[in-house]
Amino acid sequence: MSNWSDLKNNPRLREIYTQRLKMIRLIREFFWSAGFEETATPAAVRFPGQEPYLNPVPVLFHDSAGVENKFYLQTSPEFAMKKLLAAGFGKIFQLCRCFRDFEQFGGNHNTEFTMIEWYRAPGTLEEIMDDTEKLFKYVAEKSGIGAVEHKGKKINVVGGWERLSMREVWKKYVGVELDDYLTSEKMAELARERGYSVEASEPYEDLFYKIFLNEIETKLGLEKPVMIYDYPEQMCSLSRLSKNDPRYAERFELYIAGLELANAFGELTDAVEQKKRLEADKEKRKQLGKETWPVDPDFINAIKQIGEAGLPAGALAEAGGIALGVDRLVMLFTGAKDINEVIFQAVGDQLDKTF
């Protein structure tokens, strides 16, 4: 990570940081010009999300009597922003710091990072795709950048983009019809056939990613940016099912040069189904030996109330949201070697330093 001395003495790192500041300003300008309202929500929450593979960072606060209260730094502002949807804010975005423990690896992750998250209610997943493409092109054009380079691959971000279904990429890179592998049993068979070790009762998502991460992900977006949509429904606890095929869910991820930059959902707003899915995620955390906490009751209540925010009654028919990693965006646009070069941190604050 760059510290003040690096920025003072290394012209290349100083330019990267200068470009970062400019790009954050451009991101805000894009959303303001598109009629989105910028929001601010708490960074410390009592009830974080239930994602089995994310690890919130715990923090302790004390009241005036010294009574200890345990909170967690947000892994995402998602729950809080959906509560704003319930309050009637229909087009919102937030640039904020997020925290995920055990995330320092591979040059693409850091425990503390910057995220841009935005929502449209009402709004379709296709509209979120359009927002994403327009945002990248806006930042690129305003920065005088036509192409980005990552790991030796040069990608034109202001030209055409691709949108491919998950079925299409499994057919292209693995040579199978994903429709035939939508159960844990069938996916386990395929994983064994392809030489992966499989444990008894291994979850579907784990089996899916054994193949996807090794055989598909690194090949995505090598010619042009690509958004991969329609994920198996077992992997999408916060998104609604596809109208065309309920075996799949409304979700997409953005890839450029093999790097995943954003994760989007057609938002699930059926409160009963949402609570059921979050409880299932909580149980999976327990099985993995991870800390658990109650499902946020205020979040579930907000989902119930969304219909009263001037939107369609009952389960909201159309709402979309997305989380995009700002540090990765800056890394791509500046040609930084890894994420550490785009993050400023005082030397004494670095986790890998001892004094």
Protein backbone atom coordinates (compact mmCIF):
# COMPACT_ATOMS: atom_id res chain seq x y z
CA MET A 1 0.00 0.00 0.00
CA SER A 2 1.20 3.48 -0.79
CA ASN A 3 2.10 5.68 2.19
CA TRP A 4 2.82 9.41 2.31
CA SER A 5 6.52 8.82 1.63
CA ASP A 6 5.71 6.77 -1.49
CA LEU A 7 3.43 9.49 -2.81
CA LYS A 8 6.04 12.15 -2.16
CA ASN A 9 9.02 10.33 -3.68
CA ASN A 10 7.57 7.98 -6.33
CA PRO A 11 6.11 9.91 -9.32
CA ARG A 12 4.32 6.82 -10.69
CA LEU A 13 2.48 6.09 -7.42
CA ARG A 14 1.67 9.78 -6.98
CA GLU A 15 0.09 9.84 -10.45
CA ILE A 16 -1.94 6.70 -9.65
CA TYR A 17 -3.27 8.33 -6.49
CA THR A 18 -4.03 11.57 -8.33
CA GLN A 19 -5.97 9.59 -10.94
CA ARG A 20 -7.83 7.76 -8.17
CA LEU A 21 -9.07 11.05 -6.73
CA LYS A 22 -10.19 12.18 -10.18
CA MET A 23 -12.03 8.90 -10.88
CA ILE A 24 -13.91 9.01 -7.59
CA ARG A 25 -15.07 12.51 -8.52
CA LEU A 26 -16.13 11.27 -11.97
CA ILE A 27 -18.11 8.39 -10.45
CA ARG A 28 -20.07 10.86 -8.34
CA GLU A 29 -20.62 13.16 -11.31
CA PHE A 30 -21.98 10.25 -13.37
CA PHE A 31 -24.59 9.31 -10.80
CA TRP A 32 -25.56 12.88 -9.99
CA SER A 33 -26.09 13.58 -13.69
CA ALA A 34 -28.26 10.43 -13.97
CA GLY A 35 -30.56 11.62 -11.18
CA PHE A 36 -29.32 9.36 -8.37
CA GLU A 37 -29.20 10.62 -4.78
CA GLU A 38 -26.01 10.03 -2.82
CA THR A 39 -26.60 8.32 0.53
CA ALA A 40 -24.65 7.74 3.73
CA THR A 41 -25.32 4.84 6.10
CA PRO A 42 -23.55 3.49 9.23
CA ALA A 43 -20.25 1.67 8.78
CA ALA A 44 -20.76 -0.26 12.03
CA VAL A 45 -23.84 -2.49 12.29
CA ARG A 46 -25.23 -4.92 14.85
CA PHE A 47 -26.42 -7.47 12.30
CA PRO A 48 -24.18 -7.92 9.23
CA GLY A 49 -25.14 -10.05 6.24
CA GLN A 50 -25.24 -13.82 6.40
CA GLU A 51 -22.90 -14.60 3.47
CA PRO A 52 -21.17 -17.87 4.42
CA TYR A 53 -17.81 -16.94 2.89
CA LEU A 54 -17.53 -13.32 4.04
CA ASN A 55 -16.06 -12.47 7.42
CA PRO A 56 -17.14 -9.21 9.09
CA VAL A 57 -14.63 -7.40 11.30
CA PRO A 58 -15.96 -7.13 14.90
CA VAL A 59 -15.62 -3.89 16.84
CA LEU A 60 -16.54 -2.98 20.42
CA PHE A 61 -18.19 0.24 21.57
CA HIS A 62 -18.85 1.29 25.15
CA ASP A 63 -21.59 3.52 26.51
CA SER A 64 -21.05 6.13 29.22
CA ALA A 65 -21.45 3.47 31.91
CA GLY A 66 -18.80 1.30 30.31
CA VAL A 67 -21.26 -1.31 29.04
CA GLU A 68 -19.80 -3.13 26.05
CA ASN A 69 -21.71 -3.31 22.77
CA LYS A 70 -20.53 -5.49 19.92
CA PHE A 71 -20.87 -4.25 16.34
CA TYR A 72 -19.39 -5.32 13.00
CA LEU A 73 -17.87 -3.16 10.29
CA GLN A 74 -20.00 -3.42 7.16
CA THR A 75 -19.01 -5.87 4.45
CA SER A 76 -21.42 -3.94 2.22
CA PRO A 77 -24.01 -1.17 2.71
CA GLU A 78 -26.63 -3.40 1.05
CA PHE A 79 -29.04 -3.94 3.95
CA ALA A 80 -28.96 -0.28 4.97
CA MET A 81 -29.55 0.93 1.43
CA LYS A 82 -32.51 -1.41 0.97
CA LYS A 83 -33.98 0.12 4.11
CA LEU A 84 -33.74 3.46 2.29
CA LEU A 85 -35.65 1.91 -0.62
CA ALA A 86 -38.38 1.06 1.89
CA ALA A 87 -38.37 4.72 2.96
CA GLY A 88 -39.13 5.75 -0.63
CA PHE A 89 -35.68 6.60 -2.02
CA GLY A 90 -35.84 5.00 -5.46
CA LYS A 91 -32.54 5.88 -7.20
CA ILE A 92 -29.65 5.89 -4.75
CA PHE A 93 -25.89 5.33 -4.66
CA GLN A 94 -23.19 5.23 -2.04
CA LEU A 95 -19.39 5.42 -2.13
CA CYS A 96 -18.11 3.95 1.09
CA ARG A 97 -15.48 1.97 2.94
CA CYS A 98 -16.21 -1.72 3.49
CA PHE A 99 -14.32 -4.30 5.54
CA ARG A 100 -13.85 -8.04 5.11
CA ASP A 101 -11.56 -10.03 7.34
CA PHE A 102 -9.09 -12.56 5.85
CA GLU A 103 -9.16 -10.78 2.48
CA GLN A 104 -5.49 -10.01 1.81
CA PHE A 105 -4.45 -12.32 -1.00
CA GLY A 106 -3.71 -12.45 -4.70
CA GLY A 107 -3.17 -8.75 -5.21
CA ASN A 108 -6.91 -8.16 -5.80
CA HIS A 109 -8.20 -8.03 -2.21
CA ASN A 110 -7.69 -5.94 0.90
CA THR A 111 -9.39 -6.05 4.29
CA GLU A 112 -10.46 -2.41 3.91
CA PHE A 113 -11.66 -1.34 0.47
CA THR A 114 -13.86 1.18 -1.32
CA MET A 115 -17.18 0.18 -2.87
CA ILE A 116 -19.74 1.94 -5.03
CA GLU A 117 -23.21 0.48 -4.60
CA TRP A 118 -26.36 1.68 -6.33
CA TYR A 119 -30.04 0.76 -6.62
CA ARG A 120 -32.97 1.42 -8.89
CA ALA A 121 -36.48 0.82 -7.59
CA PRO A 122 -38.27 0.25 -9.80
CA GLY A 123 -35.48 -0.96 -12.07
CA THR A 124 -34.53 -4.02 -14.07
CA LEU A 125 -31.30 -5.98 -14.10
CA GLU A 126 -30.86 -4.83 -17.69
CA GLU A 127 -30.96 -1.20 -16.53
CA ILE A 128 -28.25 -1.95 -13.98
CA MET A 129 -26.20 -3.49 -16.80
CA ASP A 130 -26.70 -0.31 -18.82
CA ASP A 131 -25.65 1.83 -15.84
CA THR A 132 -22.50 -0.22 -15.40
CA GLU A 133 -21.40 0.01 -19.02
CA LYS A 134 -22.17 3.74 -19.18
CA LEU A 135 -20.26 4.38 -15.92
CA PHE A 136 -17.08 2.72 -17.20
CA LYS A 137 -17.29 4.50 -20.53
CA TYR A 138 -17.91 7.85 -18.81
CA VAL A 139 -14.89 7.47 -16.53
CA ALA A 140 -12.74 6.26 -19.44
CA GLU A 141 -13.70 9.08 -21.79
CA LYS A 142 -13.37 11.80 -19.15
CA SER A 143 -9.97 10.38 -18.21
CA GLY A 144 -8.79 10.16 -21.82
CA ILE A 145 -8.53 6.38 -21.65
CA GLY A 146 -9.71 4.11 -24.45
CA ALA A 147 -8.26 0.80 -23.31
CA VAL A 148 -7.08 -0.75 -20.05
CA GLU A 149 -4.37 -3.35 -19.55
CA HIS A 150 -4.30 -6.11 -16.94
CA LYS A 151 -1.91 -9.07 -16.79
CA GLY A 152 -0.77 -8.49 -20.36
CA LYS A 153 -4.28 -8.18 -21.81
CA LYS A 154 -5.35 -4.90 -23.41
CA ILE A 155 -9.12 -4.35 -23.36
CA ASN A 156 -11.07 -1.61 -25.13
CA VAL A 157 -13.61 -0.37 -22.56
CA VAL A 158 -15.20 2.32 -24.73
CA GLY A 159 -16.12 -0.08 -27.53
CA GLY A 160 -18.62 -2.95 -27.54
CA TRP A 161 -19.37 -4.99 -24.43
CA GLU A 162 -20.69 -8.56 -24.19
CA ARG A 163 -23.56 -10.01 -22.19
CA LEU A 164 -23.47 -13.80 -21.87
CA SER A 165 -25.54 -16.19 -19.81
CA MET A 166 -23.88 -18.57 -17.38
CA ARG A 167 -25.16 -21.40 -19.56
CA GLU A 168 -23.27 -19.97 -22.54
CA VAL A 169 -19.92 -19.70 -20.76
CA TRP A 170 -20.15 -23.23 -19.30
CA LYS A 171 -20.90 -24.54 -22.78
CA LYS A 172 -18.03 -22.51 -24.28
CA TYR A 173 -15.29 -23.24 -21.74
CA VAL A 174 -16.32 -26.52 -20.07
CA GLY A 175 -18.27 -28.08 -22.94
CA VAL A 176 -21.35 -29.02 -20.91
CA GLU A 177 -24.98 -27.95 -20.65
CA LEU A 178 -25.29 -26.31 -17.24
CA ASP A 179 -28.98 -27.26 -17.20
CA ASP A 180 -27.82 -30.84 -16.63
CA TYR A 181 -25.75 -29.93 -13.56
CA LEU A 182 -28.09 -28.00 -11.29
CA THR A 183 -28.01 -30.40 -8.34
CA SER A 184 -25.17 -31.08 -5.90
CA GLU A 185 -25.11 -34.71 -6.97
CA LYS A 186 -24.67 -33.96 -10.67
CA MET A 187 -22.17 -31.14 -10.08
CA ALA A 188 -20.15 -33.44 -7.81
CA GLU A 189 -20.04 -36.03 -10.58
CA LEU A 190 -18.78 -33.44 -13.05
CA ALA A 191 -16.15 -32.15 -10.63
CA ARG A 192 -14.81 -35.67 -10.06
CA GLU A 193 -14.75 -36.32 -13.81
CA ARG A 194 -12.60 -33.20 -14.23
CA GLY A 195 -10.13 -34.26 -11.57
CA TYR A 196 -11.26 -32.26 -8.53
CA SER A 197 -11.47 -33.73 -5.06
CA VAL A 198 -15.00 -33.76 -3.70
CA GLU A 199 -15.98 -34.13 -0.06
CA ALA A 200 -19.15 -35.83 1.14
CA SER A 201 -22.15 -33.47 1.23
CA GLU A 202 -20.13 -30.62 -0.29
CA PRO A 203 -22.44 -27.64 -1.01
CA TYR A 204 -23.46 -26.91 -4.59
CA GLU A 205 -21.82 -23.48 -4.61
CA ASP A 206 -18.46 -24.92 -3.57
CA LEU A 207 -18.63 -27.56 -6.29
CA PHE A 208 -19.67 -24.96 -8.89
CA TYR A 209 -16.72 -22.72 -8.06
CA LYS A 210 -14.16 -25.54 -8.17
CA ILE A 211 -14.79 -25.61 -11.91
CA PHE A 212 -15.76 -22.00 -12.55
CA LEU A 213 -12.76 -20.38 -10.84
CA ASN A 214 -10.23 -22.71 -12.42
CA GLU A 215 -11.62 -23.21 -15.92
CA ILE A 216 -13.85 -20.24 -16.71
CA GLU A 217 -13.23 -17.06 -14.71
CA THR A 218 -9.67 -16.35 -15.88
CA LYS A 219 -10.87 -16.52 -19.51
CA LEU A 220 -13.67 -13.98 -19.14
CA GLY A 221 -13.40 -10.50 -20.61
CA LEU A 222 -10.10 -11.10 -22.38
CA GLU A 223 -11.33 -9.48 -25.63
CA LYS A 224 -13.97 -7.06 -24.35
CA PRO A 225 -15.77 -6.43 -21.05
CA VAL A 226 -18.40 -9.09 -20.37
CA MET A 227 -21.34 -9.33 -18.01
CA ILE A 228 -22.26 -12.91 -17.07
CA TYR A 229 -25.90 -13.31 -16.04
CA ASP A 230 -28.34 -15.99 -14.83
CA TYR A 231 -26.67 -17.82 -11.96
CA PRO A 232 -28.03 -21.11 -10.55
CA GLU A 233 -30.67 -20.23 -7.96
CA GLN A 234 -28.82 -22.07 -5.15
CA MET A 235 -26.12 -19.36 -5.26
CA CYS A 236 -28.29 -16.26 -5.04
CA SER A 237 -29.85 -15.78 -1.61
CA LEU A 238 -30.51 -12.06 -2.18
CA SER A 239 -31.86 -12.13 -5.74
CA ARG A 240 -35.21 -13.01 -7.27
CA LEU A 241 -35.66 -15.96 -9.58
CA SER A 242 -35.64 -15.54 -13.34
CA LYS A 243 -39.06 -15.10 -14.91
CA ASN A 244 -37.95 -17.27 -17.84
CA ASP A 245 -36.49 -20.16 -15.84
CA PRO A 246 -36.83 -20.38 -12.02
CA ARG A 247 -33.85 -22.74 -11.86
CA TYR A 248 -31.75 -19.61 -12.35
CA ALA A 249 -31.68 -16.26 -10.55
CA GLU A 250 -31.38 -12.67 -11.72
CA ARG A 251 -27.73 -11.99 -11.03
CA PHE A 252 -24.78 -10.82 -13.10
CA GLU A 253 -21.08 -10.20 -12.58
CA LEU A 254 -18.78 -7.97 -14.61
CA TYR A 255 -15.41 -9.27 -15.83
CA ILE A 256 -12.61 -7.41 -17.57
CA ALA A 257 -9.37 -9.25 -18.39
CA GLY A 258 -10.35 -12.13 -16.11
CA LEU A 259 -10.91 -9.80 -13.16
CA GLU A 260 -14.31 -9.70 -11.44
CA LEU A 261 -15.33 -6.10 -10.72
CA ALA A 262 -19.03 -6.07 -9.84
CA ASN A 263 -21.87 -8.25 -8.57
CA ALA A 264 -25.50 -7.33 -9.29
CA PHE A 265 -28.94 -8.65 -8.39
CA GLY A 266 -32.52 -8.37 -9.45
CA GLU A 267 -33.48 -7.75 -5.83
CA LEU A 268 -35.55 -10.25 -3.88
CA THR A 269 -38.19 -8.36 -1.93
CA ASP A 270 -40.47 -11.18 -0.80
CA ALA A 271 -39.86 -10.88 2.96
CA VAL A 272 -40.88 -14.45 3.83
CA GLU A 273 -38.63 -15.97 1.18
CA GLN A 274 -35.80 -13.56 2.06
CA LYS A 275 -35.84 -14.56 5.74
CA LYS A 276 -35.90 -18.24 4.78
CA ARG A 277 -32.82 -17.85 2.57
CA LEU A 278 -30.89 -15.80 5.13
CA GLU A 279 -31.63 -18.38 7.83
CA ALA A 280 -30.27 -21.05 5.48
CA ASP A 281 -27.09 -18.99 4.99
CA LYS A 282 -26.81 -18.58 8.76
CA GLU A 283 -27.02 -22.35 9.18
CA LYS A 284 -24.27 -22.81 6.60
CA ARG A 285 -22.05 -20.39 8.55
CA LYS A 286 -22.67 -22.51 11.62
CA GLN A 287 -21.72 -25.69 9.74
CA LEU A 288 -18.50 -24.01 8.61
CA GLY A 289 -17.63 -23.21 12.22
CA LYS A 290 -18.03 -19.46 11.75
CA GLU A 291 -19.55 -16.90 14.08
CA THR A 292 -23.29 -16.39 13.65
CA TRP A 293 -25.77 -13.67 14.60
CA PRO A 294 -29.52 -13.15 14.16
CA VAL A 295 -30.99 -12.19 10.81
CA ASP A 296 -31.49 -8.43 10.94
CA PRO A 297 -35.17 -8.08 11.93
CA ASP A 298 -35.31 -4.45 10.77
CA PHE A 299 -34.11 -5.51 7.32
CA ILE A 300 -36.88 -8.10 7.02
CA ASN A 301 -39.44 -5.55 8.20
CA ALA A 302 -38.16 -3.04 5.63
CA ILE A 303 -38.60 -5.62 2.88
CA LYS A 304 -42.21 -6.06 4.02
CA GLN A 305 -42.78 -2.31 3.84
CA ILE A 306 -41.27 -1.68 0.40
CA GLY A 307 -44.71 -1.99 -1.16
CA GLU A 308 -45.82 1.02 0.87
CA ALA A 309 -43.05 3.26 -0.51
CA GLY A 310 -45.08 4.16 -3.59
CA LEU A 311 -43.93 1.01 -5.39
CA PRO A 312 -45.95 -2.04 -6.50
CA ALA A 313 -47.80 -3.69 -3.65
CA GLY A 314 -46.55 -6.94 -2.14
CA ALA A 315 -43.27 -8.37 -3.40
CA LEU A 316 -41.64 -5.65 -5.51
CA ALA A 317 -41.76 -6.75 -9.13
CA GLU A 318 -38.75 -4.81 -10.38
CA ALA A 319 -35.77 -3.50 -8.42
CA GLY A 320 -32.08 -3.87 -9.16
CA GLY A 321 -28.85 -3.22 -7.31
CA ILE A 322 -25.11 -3.68 -7.70
CA ALA A 323 -21.85 -3.50 -5.79
CA LEU A 324 -18.70 -2.48 -7.69
CA GLY A 325 -15.13 -2.49 -6.38
CA VAL A 326 -13.71 1.02 -6.81
CA ASP A 327 -10.13 -0.02 -6.02
CA ARG A 328 -10.23 -2.62 -8.79
CA LEU A 329 -11.68 -0.08 -11.23
CA VAL A 330 -8.84 2.33 -10.42
CA MET A 331 -6.31 -0.51 -10.68
CA LEU A 332 -7.49 -1.27 -14.21
CA PHE A 333 -7.65 2.33 -15.40
CA THR A 334 -4.25 3.32 -14.02
CA GLY A 335 -2.32 0.16 -14.95
CA ALA A 336 -1.37 -0.41 -11.30
CA LYS A 337 0.46 -3.68 -10.60
CA ASP A 338 -2.05 -4.73 -7.93
CA ILE A 339 -4.63 -3.31 -5.56
CA ASN A 340 -2.01 -2.26 -3.01
CA GLU A 341 -0.77 0.46 -5.37
CA VAL A 342 -4.13 2.24 -5.50
CA ILE A 343 -4.80 2.32 -1.73
CA PHE A 344 -3.29 4.98 0.52
CA GLN A 345 -2.43 3.86 4.02
CA ALA A 346 -0.25 5.37 6.71
CA VAL A 347 2.75 3.15 7.45
CA GLY A 348 1.76 2.61 11.07
CA ASP A 349 -1.69 1.41 10.00
CA GLN A 350 -0.51 -1.39 7.74
CA LEU A 351 -1.41 -4.82 9.02
CA ASP A 352 1.82 -6.41 7.84
CA LYS A 353 4.10 -4.00 9.72
CA THR A 354 5.43 -4.32 13.25
CA PHE A 355 7.34 -1.71 15.17
